[in-house]
PDB file of N, CA and C in Angstrom:
ATOM      1  N   MET A   1      73.451 108.758  80.306  1.00  0.00           N
ATOM      2  CA  MET A   1      73.061 107.856  81.369  1.00  0.00           C
ATOM      3  C   MET A   1      73.944 108.155  82.580  1.00  0.00           C
ATOM      4  N   ASP A   2      73.326 108.360  83.729  1.00  0.00           N
ATOM      5  CA  ASP A   2      74.126 108.603  84.931  1.00  0.00           C
ATOM      6  C   ASP A   2      74.553 107.269  85.550  1.00  0.00           C
ATOM      7  N   GLY A   3      75.351 107.340  86.591  1.00  0.00           N
ATOM      8  CA  GLY A   3      75.910 106.143  87.205  1.00  0.00           C
ATOM      9  C   GLY A   3      74.880 105.186  87.769  1.00  0.00           C
ATOM     10  N   GLU A   4      73.854 105.720  88.407  1.00  0.00           N
ATOM     11  CA  GLU A   4      72.814 104.858  88.979  1.00  0.00           C
ATOM     12  C   GLU A   4      72.023 104.152  87.882  1.00  0.00           C
ATOM     13  N   GLU A   5      71.732 104.865  86.793  1.00  0.00           N
ATOM     14  CA  GLU A   5      71.042 104.243  85.660  1.00  0.00           C
ATOM     15  C   GLU A   5      71.913 103.151  85.043  1.00  0.00           C
ATOM     16  N   LEU A   6      73.209 103.413  84.978  1.00  0.00           N
ATOM     17  CA  LEU A   6      74.161 102.434  84.447  1.00  0.00           C
ATOM     18  C   LEU A   6      74.078 101.141  85.242  1.00  0.00           C
ATOM     19  N   LEU A   7      74.153 101.235  86.569  1.00  0.00           N
ATOM     20  CA  LEU A   7      74.107 100.042  87.415  1.00  0.00           C
ATOM     21  C   LEU A   7      72.785  99.304  87.253  1.00  0.00           C
ATOM     22  N   LYS A   8      71.688 100.045  87.246  1.00  0.00           N
ATOM     23  CA  LYS A   8      70.370  99.420  87.121  1.00  0.00           C
ATOM     24  C   LYS A   8      70.222  98.712  85.775  1.00  0.00           C
ATOM     25  N   THR A   9      70.639  99.367  84.699  1.00  0.00           N
ATOM     26  CA  THR A   9      70.541  98.794  83.354  1.00  0.00           C
ATOM     27  C   THR A   9      71.401  97.540  83.241  1.00  0.00           C
ATOM     28  N   ALA A  10      72.641  97.615  83.717  1.00  0.00           N
ATOM     29  CA  ALA A  10      73.547  96.469  83.635  1.00  0.00           C
ATOM     30  C   ALA A  10      73.025  95.294  84.459  1.00  0.00           C
ATOM     31  N   ALA A  11      72.551  95.560  85.673  1.00  0.00           N
ATOM     32  CA  ALA A  11      72.045  94.487  86.539  1.00  0.00           C
ATOM     33  C   ALA A  11      70.803  93.838  85.945  1.00  0.00           C
ATOM     34  N   THR A  12      69.908  94.659  85.406  1.00  0.00           N
ATOM     35  CA  THR A  12      68.693  94.117  84.790  1.00  0.00           C
ATOM     36  C   THR A  12      69.053  93.230  83.608  1.00  0.00           C
ATOM     37  N   HIS A  13      69.950  93.703  82.766  1.00  0.00           N
ATOM     38  CA  HIS A  13      70.350  92.931  81.585  1.00  0.00           C
ATOM     39  C   HIS A  13      71.043  91.627  82.001  1.00  0.00           C
ATOM     40  N   ALA A  14      71.987  91.713  82.935  1.00  0.00           N
ATOM     41  CA  ALA A  14      72.728  90.526  83.375  1.00  0.00           C
ATOM     42  C   ALA A  14      71.798  89.500  84.010  1.00  0.00           C
ATOM     43  N   GLY A  15      70.824  89.973  84.761  1.00  0.00           N
ATOM     44  CA  GLY A  15      69.894  89.072  85.437  1.00  0.00           C
ATOM     45  C   GLY A  15      69.006  88.284  84.494  1.00  0.00           C
ATOM     46  N   GLN A  16      68.892  88.737  83.256  1.00  0.00           N
ATOM     47  CA  GLN A  16      68.050  88.056  82.275  1.00  0.00           C
ATOM     48  C   GLN A  16      68.825  87.027  81.449  1.00  0.00           C
ATOM     49  N   LEU A  17      70.127  86.952  81.617  1.00  0.00           N
ATOM     50  CA  LEU A  17      70.936  86.032  80.829  1.00  0.00           C
ATOM     51  C   LEU A  17      70.821  84.607  81.387  1.00  0.00           C
ATOM     52  N   PRO A  18      70.726  83.610  80.517  1.00  0.00           N
ATOM     53  CA  PRO A  18      70.551  82.219  80.962  1.00  0.00           C
ATOM     54  C   PRO A  18      71.676  81.745  81.885  1.00  0.00           C
ATOM     55  N   GLY A  19      71.292  81.235  83.044  1.00  0.00           N
ATOM     56  CA  GLY A  19      72.268  80.696  83.992  1.00  0.00           C
ATOM     57  C   GLY A  19      73.000  81.723  84.817  1.00  0.00           C
ATOM     58  N   ALA A  20      72.697  83.006  84.650  1.00  0.00           N
ATOM     59  CA  ALA A  20      73.404  84.059  85.387  1.00  0.00           C
ATOM     60  C   ALA A  20      72.868  84.169  86.811  1.00  0.00           C
ATOM     61  N   GLY A  21      73.763  84.490  87.730  1.00  0.00           N
ATOM     62  CA  GLY A  21      73.365  84.672  89.113  1.00  0.00           C
ATOM     63  C   GLY A  21      74.177  85.775  89.769  1.00  0.00           C
ATOM     64  N   LEU A  22      73.593  86.397  90.778  1.00  0.00           N
ATOM     65  CA  LEU A  22      74.232  87.486  91.519  1.00  0.00           C
ATOM     66  C   LEU A  22      74.770  86.964  92.841  1.00  0.00           C
ATOM     67  N   GLU A  23      76.006  87.331  93.152  1.00  0.00           N
ATOM     68  CA  GLU A  23      76.634  86.963  94.423  1.00  0.00           C
ATOM     69  C   GLU A  23      77.314  88.190  95.018  1.00  0.00           C
ATOM     70  N   HIS A  24      77.682  88.086  96.285  1.00  0.00           N
ATOM     71  CA  HIS A  24      78.406  89.162  96.972  1.00  0.00           C
ATOM     72  C   HIS A  24      79.630  88.581  97.684  1.00  0.00           C
ATOM     73  N   PRO A  25      80.569  87.960  96.956  1.00  0.00           N
ATOM     74  CA  PRO A  25      81.716  87.314  97.607  1.00  0.00           C
ATOM     75  C   PRO A  25      82.721  88.284  98.226  1.00  0.00           C
ATOM     76  N   PHE A  26      82.685  89.547  97.820  1.00  0.00           N
ATOM     77  CA  PHE A  26      83.632  90.538  98.334  1.00  0.00           C
ATOM     78  C   PHE A  26      82.966  91.525  99.281  1.00  0.00           C
ATOM     79  N   GLY A  27      81.772  91.196  99.760  1.00  0.00           N
ATOM     80  CA  GLY A  27      81.051  92.068 100.669  1.00  0.00           C
ATOM     81  C   GLY A  27      79.936  92.812  99.957  1.00  0.00           C
ATOM     82  N   PRO A  28      79.159  93.599 100.705  1.00  0.00           N
ATOM     83  CA  PRO A  28      77.968  94.248 100.152  1.00  0.00           C
ATOM     84  C   PRO A  28      78.243  95.352  99.135  1.00  0.00           C
ATOM     85  N   ASP A  29      79.482  95.841  99.071  1.00  0.00           N
ATOM     86  CA  ASP A  29      79.795  96.928  98.141  1.00  0.00           C
ATOM     87  C   ASP A  29      80.106  96.440  96.728  1.00  0.00           C
ATOM     88  N   TRP A  30      80.184  95.129  96.540  1.00  0.00           N
ATOM     89  CA  TRP A  30      80.485  94.552  95.232  1.00  0.00           C
ATOM     90  C   TRP A  30      79.361  93.609  94.827  1.00  0.00           C
ATOM     91  N   GLU A  31      78.767  93.860  93.673  1.00  0.00           N
ATOM     92  CA  GLU A  31      77.795  92.931  93.104  1.00  0.00           C
ATOM     93  C   GLU A  31      78.517  92.167  91.999  1.00  0.00           C
ATOM     94  N   VAL A  32      78.526  90.862  92.099  1.00  0.00           N
ATOM     95  CA  VAL A  32      79.284  90.020  91.175  1.00  0.00           C
ATOM     96  C   VAL A  32      78.316  89.079  90.458  1.00  0.00           C
ATOM     97  N   PHE A  33      78.273  89.195  89.144  1.00  0.00           N
ATOM     98  CA  PHE A  33      77.414  88.330  88.341  1.00  0.00           C
ATOM     99  C   PHE A  33      78.265  87.220  87.744  1.00  0.00           C
ATOM    100  N   LYS A  34      77.787  85.975  87.924  1.00  0.00           N
ATOM    101  CA  LYS A  34      78.512  84.815  87.439  1.00  0.00           C
ATOM    102  C   LYS A  34      77.602  83.941  86.590  1.00  0.00           C
ATOM    103  N   VAL A  35      78.241  83.149  85.734  1.00  0.00           N
ATOM    104  CA  VAL A  35      77.557  82.092  84.997  1.00  0.00           C
ATOM    105  C   VAL A  35      78.373  80.829  85.231  1.00  0.00           C
ATOM    106  N   ARG A  36      77.741  79.794  85.752  1.00  0.00           N
ATOM    107  CA  ARG A  36      78.411  78.525  86.069  1.00  0.00           C
ATOM    108  C   ARG A  36      79.681  78.738  86.899  1.00  0.00           C
ATOM    109  N   GLY A  37      79.594  79.658  87.861  1.00  0.00           N
ATOM    110  CA  GLY A  37      80.699  79.907  88.778  1.00  0.00           C
ATOM    111  C   GLY A  37      81.792  80.832  88.266  1.00  0.00           C
ATOM    112  N   LYS A  38      81.662  81.338  87.047  1.00  0.00           N
ATOM    113  CA  LYS A  38      82.673  82.218  86.457  1.00  0.00           C
ATOM    114  C   LYS A  38      82.142  83.648  86.367  1.00  0.00           C
ATOM    115  N   VAL A  39      82.951  84.600  86.788  1.00  0.00           N
ATOM    116  CA  VAL A  39      82.561  86.012  86.802  1.00  0.00           C
ATOM    117  C   VAL A  39      82.506  86.573  85.380  1.00  0.00           C
ATOM    118  N   PHE A  40      81.395  87.276  85.077  1.00  0.00           N
ATOM    119  CA  PHE A  40      81.346  88.003  83.807  1.00  0.00           C
ATOM    120  C   PHE A  40      81.053  89.486  84.013  1.00  0.00           C
ATOM    121  N   MET A  41      80.635  89.900  85.219  1.00  0.00           N
ATOM    122  CA  MET A  41      80.379  91.313  85.469  1.00  0.00           C
ATOM    123  C   MET A  41      80.488  91.612  86.966  1.00  0.00           C
ATOM    124  N   LEU A  42      81.111  92.752  87.269  1.00  0.00           N
ATOM    125  CA  LEU A  42      81.198  93.237  88.641  1.00  0.00           C
ATOM    126  C   LEU A  42      80.672  94.668  88.664  1.00  0.00           C
ATOM    127  N   MET A  43      80.024  95.031  89.757  1.00  0.00           N
ATOM    128  CA  MET A  43      79.541  96.407  89.917  1.00  0.00           C
ATOM    129  C   MET A  43      79.930  96.889  91.311  1.00  0.00           C
ATOM    130  N   THR A  44      80.417  98.135  91.371  1.00  0.00           N
ATOM    131  CA  THR A  44      80.795  98.733  92.645  1.00  0.00           C
ATOM    132  C   THR A  44      80.882 100.241  92.456  1.00  0.00           C
ATOM    133  N   GLU A  45      81.394 100.919  93.475  1.00  0.00           N
ATOM    134  CA  GLU A  45      81.673 102.349  93.354  1.00  0.00           C
ATOM    135  C   GLU A  45      83.163 102.550  93.553  1.00  0.00           C
ATOM    136  N   VAL A  46      83.757 103.303  92.640  1.00  0.00           N
ATOM    137  CA  VAL A  46      85.177 103.625  92.724  1.00  0.00           C
ATOM    138  C   VAL A  46      85.232 105.108  93.060  1.00  0.00           C
ATOM    139  N   PRO A  47      85.810 105.464  94.202  1.00  0.00           N
ATOM    140  CA  PRO A  47      85.657 106.783  94.835  1.00  0.00           C
ATOM    141  C   PRO A  47      84.394 107.538  94.445  1.00  0.00           C
ATOM    142  N   GLY A  48      83.238 106.977  94.863  1.00  0.00           N
ATOM    143  CA  GLY A  48      81.965 107.662  94.674  1.00  0.00           C
ATOM    144  C   GLY A  48      81.356 107.584  93.293  1.00  0.00           C
ATOM    145  N   ARG A  49      82.026 106.920  92.364  1.00  0.00           N
ATOM    146  CA  ARG A  49      81.499 106.793  91.001  1.00  0.00           C
ATOM    147  C   ARG A  49      81.052 105.361  90.762  1.00  0.00           C
ATOM    148  N   PRO A  50      79.772 105.148  90.466  1.00  0.00           N
ATOM    149  CA  PRO A  50      79.314 103.796  90.157  1.00  0.00           C
ATOM    150  C   PRO A  50      79.966 103.308  88.857  1.00  0.00           C
ATOM    151  N   VAL A  51      80.471 102.074  88.870  1.00  0.00           N
ATOM    152  CA  VAL A  51      81.104 101.499  87.694  1.00  0.00           C
ATOM    153  C   VAL A  51      80.646 100.055  87.478  1.00  0.00           C
ATOM    154  N   VAL A  52      80.745  99.642  86.213  1.00  0.00           N
ATOM    155  CA  VAL A  52      80.490  98.264  85.824  1.00  0.00           C
ATOM    156  C   VAL A  52      81.772  97.755  85.183  1.00  0.00           C
ATOM    157  N   ILE A  53      82.224  96.583  85.611  1.00  0.00           N
ATOM    158  CA  ILE A  53      83.465  96.000  85.112  1.00  0.00           C
ATOM    159  C   ILE A  53      83.103  94.736  84.335  1.00  0.00           C
ATOM    160  N   LEU A  54      83.544  94.687  83.077  1.00  0.00           N
ATOM    161  CA  LEU A  54      83.141  93.619  82.163  1.00  0.00           C
ATOM    162  C   LEU A  54      84.327  93.013  81.432  1.00  0.00           C
ATOM    163  N   LYS A  55      84.216  91.740  81.087  1.00  0.00           N
ATOM    164  CA  LYS A  55      85.220  91.071  80.263  1.00  0.00           C
ATOM    165  C   LYS A  55      85.049  91.572  78.830  1.00  0.00           C
ATOM    166  N   SER A  56      86.161  91.693  78.110  1.00  0.00           N
ATOM    167  CA  SER A  56      86.113  92.179  76.736  1.00  0.00           C
ATOM    168  C   SER A  56      87.267  91.583  75.940  1.00  0.00           C
ATOM    169  N   ASP A  57      87.030  91.317  74.684  1.00  0.00           N
ATOM    170  CA  ASP A  57      88.106  90.894  73.788  1.00  0.00           C
ATOM    171  C   ASP A  57      89.167  92.005  73.782  1.00  0.00           C
ATOM    172  N   PRO A  58      90.457  91.662  73.875  1.00  0.00           N
ATOM    173  CA  PRO A  58      91.492  92.699  73.964  1.00  0.00           C
ATOM    174  C   PRO A  58      91.444  93.757  72.850  1.00  0.00           C
ATOM    175  N   ALA A  59      91.246  93.348  71.619  1.00  0.00           N
ATOM    176  CA  ALA A  59      91.189  94.325  70.514  1.00  0.00           C
ATOM    177  C   ALA A  59      89.949  95.198  70.642  1.00  0.00           C
ATOM    178  N   GLU A  60      88.834  94.594  71.020  1.00  0.00           N
ATOM    179  CA  GLU A  60      87.591  95.341  71.208  1.00  0.00           C
ATOM    180  C   GLU A  60      87.733  96.302  72.392  1.00  0.00           C
ATOM    181  N   ALA A  61      88.351  95.854  73.460  1.00  0.00           N
ATOM    182  CA  ALA A  61      88.550  96.699  74.640  1.00  0.00           C
ATOM    183  C   ALA A  61      89.358  97.940  74.279  1.00  0.00           C
ATOM    184  N   ARG A  62      90.409  97.740  73.503  1.00  0.00           N
ATOM    185  CA  ARG A  62      91.246  98.867  73.067  1.00  0.00           C
ATOM    186  C   ARG A  62      90.421  99.855  72.238  1.00  0.00           C
ATOM    187  N   ALA A  63      89.637  99.340  71.298  1.00  0.00           N
ATOM    188  CA  ALA A  63      88.807 100.201  70.447  1.00  0.00           C
ATOM    189  C   ALA A  63      87.759 100.945  71.272  1.00  0.00           C
ATOM    190  N   LEU A  64      87.148 100.268  72.229  1.00  0.00           N
ATOM    191  CA  LEU A  64      86.144 100.912  73.082  1.00  0.00           C
ATOM    192  C   LEU A  64      86.766 102.031  73.907  1.00  0.00           C
ATOM    193  N   ARG A  65      87.970 101.803  74.453  1.00  0.00           N
ATOM    194  CA  ARG A  65      88.644 102.834  75.255  1.00  0.00           C
ATOM    195  C   ARG A  65      88.989 104.046  74.405  1.00  0.00           C
ATOM    196  N   GLU A  66      89.322 103.809  73.140  1.00  0.00           N
ATOM    197  CA  GLU A  66      89.634 104.924  72.242  1.00  0.00           C
ATOM    198  C   GLU A  66      88.377 105.694  71.845  1.00  0.00           C
ATOM    199  N   GLN A  67      87.268 104.998  71.708  1.00  0.00           N
ATOM    200  CA  GLN A  67      86.030 105.621  71.242  1.00  0.00           C
ATOM    201  C   GLN A  67      85.238 106.316  72.356  1.00  0.00           C
ATOM    202  N   TYR A  68      85.268 105.772  73.559  1.00  0.00           N
ATOM    203  CA  TYR A  68      84.441 106.287  74.661  1.00  0.00           C
ATOM    204  C   TYR A  68      85.314 106.741  75.828  1.00  0.00           C
ATOM    205  N   GLU A  69      85.167 107.994  76.232  1.00  0.00           N
ATOM    206  CA  GLU A  69      85.949 108.483  77.361  1.00  0.00           C
ATOM    207  C   GLU A  69      85.532 107.845  78.682  1.00  0.00           C
ATOM    208  N   HIS A  70      84.310 107.280  78.742  1.00  0.00           N
ATOM    209  CA  HIS A  70      83.804 106.673  79.974  1.00  0.00           C
ATOM    210  C   HIS A  70      84.073 105.169  80.043  1.00  0.00           C
ATOM    211  N   ILE A  71      84.912 104.657  79.138  1.00  0.00           N
ATOM    212  CA  ILE A  71      85.342 103.260  79.185  1.00  0.00           C
ATOM    213  C   ILE A  71      86.853 103.254  79.361  1.00  0.00           C
ATOM    214  N   THR A  72      87.296 102.611  80.441  1.00  0.00           N
ATOM    215  CA  THR A  72      88.705 102.591  80.815  1.00  0.00           C
ATOM    216  C   THR A  72      89.135 101.142  81.090  1.00  0.00           C
ATOM    217  N   PRO A  73      90.430 100.899  81.311  1.00  0.00           N
ATOM    218  CA  PRO A  73      90.864  99.532  81.637  1.00  0.00           C
ATOM    219  C   PRO A  73      90.165  99.015  82.901  1.00  0.00           C
ATOM    220  N   GLY A  74      90.032  97.706  82.997  1.00  0.00           N
ATOM    221  CA  GLY A  74      89.316  97.077  84.112  1.00  0.00           C
ATOM    222  C   GLY A  74      89.901  97.408  85.475  1.00  0.00           C
ATOM    223  N   TYR A  75      89.069  97.914  86.353  1.00  0.00           N
ATOM    224  CA  TYR A  75      89.458  98.270  87.721  1.00  0.00           C
ATOM    225  C   TYR A  75      89.740  96.992  88.513  1.00  0.00           C
ATOM    226  N   HIS A  76      90.943  96.864  89.063  1.00  0.00           N
ATOM    227  CA  HIS A  76      91.368  95.697  89.840  1.00  0.00           C
ATOM    228  C   HIS A  76      91.276  94.389  89.060  1.00  0.00           C
ATOM    229  N   MET A  77      91.330  94.473  87.729  1.00  0.00           N
ATOM    230  CA  MET A  77      91.253  93.272  86.892  1.00  0.00           C
ATOM    231  C   MET A  77      92.375  93.345  85.854  1.00  0.00           C
ATOM    232  N   ASN A  78      92.537  92.281  85.082  1.00  0.00           N
ATOM    233  CA  ASN A  78      93.510  92.262  83.996  1.00  0.00           C
ATOM    234  C   ASN A  78      93.131  93.360  83.004  1.00  0.00           C
ATOM    235  N   LYS A  79      93.991  94.343  82.827  1.00  0.00           N
ATOM    236  CA  LYS A  79      93.684  95.525  82.008  1.00  0.00           C
ATOM    237  C   LYS A  79      93.528  95.184  80.528  1.00  0.00           C
ATOM    238  N   LYS A  80      94.049  94.051  80.112  1.00  0.00           N
ATOM    239  CA  LYS A  80      93.954  93.651  78.709  1.00  0.00           C
ATOM    240  C   LYS A  80      92.604  93.019  78.399  1.00  0.00           C
ATOM    241  N   HIS A  81      92.033  92.297  79.361  1.00  0.00           N
ATOM    242  CA  HIS A  81      90.826  91.510  79.122  1.00  0.00           C
ATOM    243  C   HIS A  81      89.557  92.053  79.789  1.00  0.00           C
ATOM    244  N   TRP A  82      89.681  93.131  80.543  1.00  0.00           N
ATOM    245  CA  TRP A  82      88.523  93.679  81.254  1.00  0.00           C
ATOM    246  C   TRP A  82      88.448  95.190  81.035  1.00  0.00           C
ATOM    247  N   ILE A  83      87.225  95.714  81.024  1.00  0.00           N
ATOM    248  CA  ILE A  83      87.000  97.157  80.902  1.00  0.00           C
ATOM    249  C   ILE A  83      86.134  97.643  82.062  1.00  0.00           C
ATOM    250  N   THR A  84      86.256  98.913  82.368  1.00  0.00           N
ATOM    251  CA  THR A  84      85.407  99.569  83.358  1.00  0.00           C
ATOM    252  C   THR A  84      84.560 100.594  82.618  1.00  0.00           C
ATOM    253  N   VAL A  85      83.254 100.553  82.875  1.00  0.00           N
ATOM    254  CA  VAL A  85      82.316 101.478  82.237  1.00  0.00           C
ATOM    255  C   VAL A  85      81.727 102.379  83.312  1.00  0.00           C
ATOM    256  N   GLU A  86      81.768 103.689  83.062  1.00  0.00           N
ATOM    257  CA  GLU A  86      81.140 104.673  83.941  1.00  0.00           C
ATOM    258  C   GLU A  86      79.973 105.306  83.198  1.00  0.00           C
ATOM    259  N   GLY A  87      79.083 105.935  83.930  1.00  0.00           N
ATOM    260  CA  GLY A  87      77.998 106.666  83.291  1.00  0.00           C
ATOM    261  C   GLY A  87      78.546 107.855  82.519  1.00  0.00           C
ATOM    262  N   GLY A  88      77.863 108.223  81.449  1.00  0.00           N
ATOM    263  CA  GLY A  88      78.295 109.357  80.639  1.00  0.00           C
ATOM    264  C   GLY A  88      77.344 109.575  79.485  1.00  0.00           C
ATOM    265  N   ASP A  89      77.514 110.678  78.794  1.00  0.00           N
ATOM    266  CA  ASP A  89      76.611 111.040  77.703  1.00  0.00           C
ATOM    267  C   ASP A  89      76.565 110.000  76.593  1.00  0.00           C
ATOM    268  N   ALA A  90      77.709 109.427  76.236  1.00  0.00           N
ATOM    269  CA  ALA A  90      77.751 108.480  75.123  1.00  0.00           C
ATOM    270  C   ALA A  90      77.379 107.057  75.550  1.00  0.00           C
ATOM    271  N   VAL A  91      77.225 106.837  76.844  1.00  0.00           N
ATOM    272  CA  VAL A  91      76.880 105.511  77.356  1.00  0.00           C
ATOM    273  C   VAL A  91      75.360 105.417  77.461  1.00  0.00           C
ATOM    274  N   ASP A  92      74.774 104.540  76.622  1.00  0.00           N
ATOM    275  CA  ASP A  92      73.321 104.393  76.647  1.00  0.00           C
ATOM    276  C   ASP A  92      72.935 102.943  76.910  1.00  0.00           C
ATOM    277  N   GLU A  93      71.630 102.718  77.012  1.00  0.00           N
ATOM    278  CA  GLU A  93      71.111 101.393  77.355  1.00  0.00           C
ATOM    279  C   GLU A  93      71.548 100.334  76.339  1.00  0.00           C
ATOM    280  N   GLU A  94      71.538 100.676  75.073  1.00  0.00           N
ATOM    281  CA  GLU A  94      71.918  99.715  74.030  1.00  0.00           C
ATOM    282  C   GLU A  94      73.386  99.307  74.172  1.00  0.00           C
ATOM    283  N   LEU A  95      74.270 100.284  74.374  1.00  0.00           N
ATOM    284  CA  LEU A  95      75.693  99.988  74.532  1.00  0.00           C
ATOM    285  C   LEU A  95      75.925  99.107  75.757  1.00  0.00           C
ATOM    286  N   VAL A  96      75.321  99.458  76.874  1.00  0.00           N
ATOM    287  CA  VAL A  96      75.496  98.681  78.101  1.00  0.00           C
ATOM    288  C   VAL A  96      75.015  97.245  77.886  1.00  0.00           C
ATOM    289  N   GLY A  97      73.849  97.083  77.260  1.00  0.00           N
ATOM    290  CA  GLY A  97      73.327  95.742  76.988  1.00  0.00           C
ATOM    291  C   GLY A  97      74.269  94.926  76.118  1.00  0.00           C
ATOM    292  N   GLU A  98      74.815  95.560  75.087  1.00  0.00           N
ATOM    293  CA  GLU A  98      75.756  94.862  74.190  1.00  0.00           C
ATOM    294  C   GLU A  98      77.029  94.455  74.934  1.00  0.00           C
ATOM    295  N   LEU A  99      77.555  95.347  75.763  1.00  0.00           N
ATOM    296  CA  LEU A  99      78.786  95.050  76.491  1.00  0.00           C
ATOM    297  C   LEU A  99      78.577  93.939  77.521  1.00  0.00           C
ATOM    298  N   VAL A 100      77.437  93.949  78.209  1.00  0.00           N
ATOM    299  CA  VAL A 100      77.125  92.900  79.189  1.00  0.00           C
ATOM    300  C   VAL A 100      76.981  91.556  78.475  1.00  0.00           C
ATOM    301  N   THR A 101      76.252  91.539  77.360  1.00  0.00           N
ATOM    302  CA  THR A 101      76.062  90.296  76.608  1.00  0.00           C
ATOM    303  C   THR A 101      77.387  89.768  76.078  1.00  0.00           C
ATOM    304  N   GLU A 102      78.239  90.648  75.577  1.00  0.00           N
ATOM    305  CA  GLU A 102      79.529  90.218  75.051  1.00  0.00           C
ATOM    306  C   GLU A 102      80.403  89.636  76.159  1.00  0.00           C
ATOM    307  N   SER A 103      80.407  90.248  77.326  1.00  0.00           N
ATOM    308  CA  SER A 103      81.179  89.736  78.459  1.00  0.00           C
ATOM    309  C   SER A 103      80.686  88.338  78.827  1.00  0.00           C
ATOM    310  N   TYR A 104      79.385  88.186  78.901  1.00  0.00           N
ATOM    311  CA  TYR A 104      78.755  86.892  79.204  1.00  0.00           C
ATOM    312  C   TYR A 104      79.158  85.843  78.160  1.00  0.00           C
ATOM    313  N   ARG A 105      79.073  86.208  76.879  1.00  0.00           N
ATOM    314  CA  ARG A 105      79.420  85.279  75.793  1.00  0.00           C
ATOM    315  C   ARG A 105      80.882  84.837  75.889  1.00  0.00           C
ATOM    316  N   LEU A 106      81.775  85.771  76.193  1.00  0.00           N
ATOM    317  CA  LEU A 106      83.191  85.428  76.325  1.00  0.00           C
ATOM    318  C   LEU A 106      83.410  84.423  77.454  1.00  0.00           C
ATOM    319  N   VAL A 107      82.751  84.620  78.575  1.00  0.00           N
ATOM    320  CA  VAL A 107      82.906  83.707  79.712  1.00  0.00           C
ATOM    321  C   VAL A 107      82.266  82.354  79.396  1.00  0.00           C
ATOM    322  N   VAL A 108      81.071  82.356  78.831  1.00  0.00           N
ATOM    323  CA  VAL A 108      80.412  81.097  78.462  1.00  0.00           C
ATOM    324  C   VAL A 108      81.270  80.330  77.458  1.00  0.00           C
ATOM    325  N   GLY A 109      81.906  81.047  76.535  1.00  0.00           N
ATOM    326  CA  GLY A 109      82.755  80.406  75.538  1.00  0.00           C
ATOM    327  C   GLY A 109      83.953  79.690  76.139  1.00  0.00           C
ATOM    328  N   GLY A 110      84.353  80.075  77.340  1.00  0.00           N
ATOM    329  CA  GLY A 110      85.467  79.430  78.017  1.00  0.00           C
ATOM    330  C   GLY A 110      85.067  78.235  78.862  1.00  0.00           C
ATOM    331  N   LEU A 111      83.763  78.002  78.980  1.00  0.00           N
ATOM    332  CA  LEU A 111      83.268  76.865  79.760  1.00  0.00           C
ATOM    333  C   LEU A 111      83.311  75.586  78.925  1.00  0.00           C
ATOM    334  N   PRO A 112      83.424  74.427  79.583  1.00  0.00           N
ATOM    335  CA  PRO A 112      83.293  73.178  78.837  1.00  0.00           C
ATOM    336  C   PRO A 112      81.918  73.149  78.149  1.00  0.00           C
ATOM    337  N   LYS A 113      81.859  72.583  76.959  1.00  0.00           N
ATOM    338  CA  LYS A 113      80.603  72.588  76.194  1.00  0.00           C
ATOM    339  C   LYS A 113      79.427  72.045  76.996  1.00  0.00           C
ATOM    340  N   SER A 114      79.663  71.042  77.825  1.00  0.00           N
ATOM    341  CA  SER A 114      78.573  70.437  78.590  1.00  0.00           C
ATOM    342  C   SER A 114      77.996  71.381  79.648  1.00  0.00           C
ATOM    343  N   GLN A 115      78.737  72.435  80.010  1.00  0.00           N
ATOM    344  CA  GLN A 115      78.279  73.375  81.038  1.00  0.00           C
ATOM    345  C   GLN A 115      77.707  74.667  80.467  1.00  0.00           C
ATOM    346  N   ARG A 116      77.789  74.848  79.174  1.00  0.00           N
ATOM    347  CA  ARG A 116      77.331  76.100  78.569  1.00  0.00           C
ATOM    348  C   ARG A 116      75.805  76.171  78.536  1.00  0.00           C
ATOM    349  N   PRO A 117      75.219  77.242  79.119  1.00  0.00           N
ATOM    350  CA  PRO A 117      73.764  77.382  79.080  1.00  0.00           C
ATOM    351  C   PRO A 117      73.246  77.823  77.709  1.00  0.00           C
ATOM    352  N   VAL A 118      74.136  78.360  76.875  1.00  0.00           N
ATOM    353  CA  VAL A 118      73.776  78.808  75.523  1.00  0.00           C
ATOM    354  C   VAL A 118      74.980  78.581  74.608  1.00  0.00           C
ATOM    355  N   ASP A 119      74.770  78.677  73.305  1.00  0.00           N
ATOM    356  CA  ASP A 119      75.866  78.624  72.351  1.00  0.00           C
ATOM    357  C   ASP A 119      76.476  80.028  72.286  1.00  0.00           C
ATOM    358  N   PRO A 120      77.724  80.205  72.751  1.00  0.00           N
ATOM    359  CA  PRO A 120      78.310  81.540  72.787  1.00  0.00           C
ATOM    360  C   PRO A 120      78.554  82.140  71.407  1.00  0.00           C
ATOM    361  N   HIS A 121      78.553  81.307  70.378  1.00  0.00           N
ATOM    362  CA  HIS A 121      78.808  81.803  69.019  1.00  0.00           C
ATOM    363  C   HIS A 121      77.567  82.434  68.397  1.00  0.00           C
ATOM    364  N   THR A 122      76.403  82.066  68.887  1.00  0.00           N
ATOM    365  CA  THR A 122      75.166  82.605  68.308  1.00  0.00           C
ATOM    366  C   THR A 122      74.332  83.412  69.276  1.00  0.00           C
ATOM    367  N   TYR A 123      74.485  83.206  70.586  1.00  0.00           N
ATOM    368  CA  TYR A 123      73.623  83.874  71.553  1.00  0.00           C
ATOM    369  C   TYR A 123      73.800  85.390  71.525  1.00  0.00           C
ATOM    370  N   GLY A 124      72.692  86.102  71.426  1.00  0.00           N
ATOM    371  CA  GLY A 124      72.708  87.558  71.495  1.00  0.00           C
ATOM    372  C   GLY A 124      73.215  88.249  70.255  1.00  0.00           C
ATOM    373  N   ARG A 125      73.494  87.508  69.224  1.00  0.00           N
ATOM    374  CA  ARG A 125      73.976  88.114  67.968  1.00  0.00           C
ATOM    375  C   ARG A 125      72.785  88.531  67.123  1.00  0.00           C
ATOM    376  N   ARG A 126      72.953  89.654  66.467  1.00  0.00           N
ATOM    377  CA  ARG A 126      71.912  90.113  65.552  1.00  0.00           C
ATOM    378  C   ARG A 126      72.111  89.428  64.206  1.00  0.00           C
ATOM    379  N   SER A 127      71.012  89.006  63.592  1.00  0.00           N
ATOM    380  CA  SER A 127      71.167  88.347  62.286  1.00  0.00           C
ATOM    381  C   SER A 127      71.074  89.341  61.177  1.00  0.00           C
TER     382      SER A 127
END
């Protein structure tokens, strides 16, 4: 998957999540997806390379960085809790969808129960 496909896939997936919305608080070069006012995904270009920045469980983030050369610590974010995804051979639509959903679930899980658009413990999980 190339960088442009990565951005399109991530944006399409994020836009379908309950309560998700797109904003541009940092200008037109940054697409910021939020749920109930909390960021779960950012998209931009880092020196000409399209990237998607997502929240991730610290242990999962470490494992993803070890497994995929196109997944690195979060650009301009807490390196322990965020990852940056670039386009690459091992990055496919399924992986991007899973990472976007997991980022969303982590953020929703931090919201007060009354504000959660879905149950973060069950949403998007395969049975």
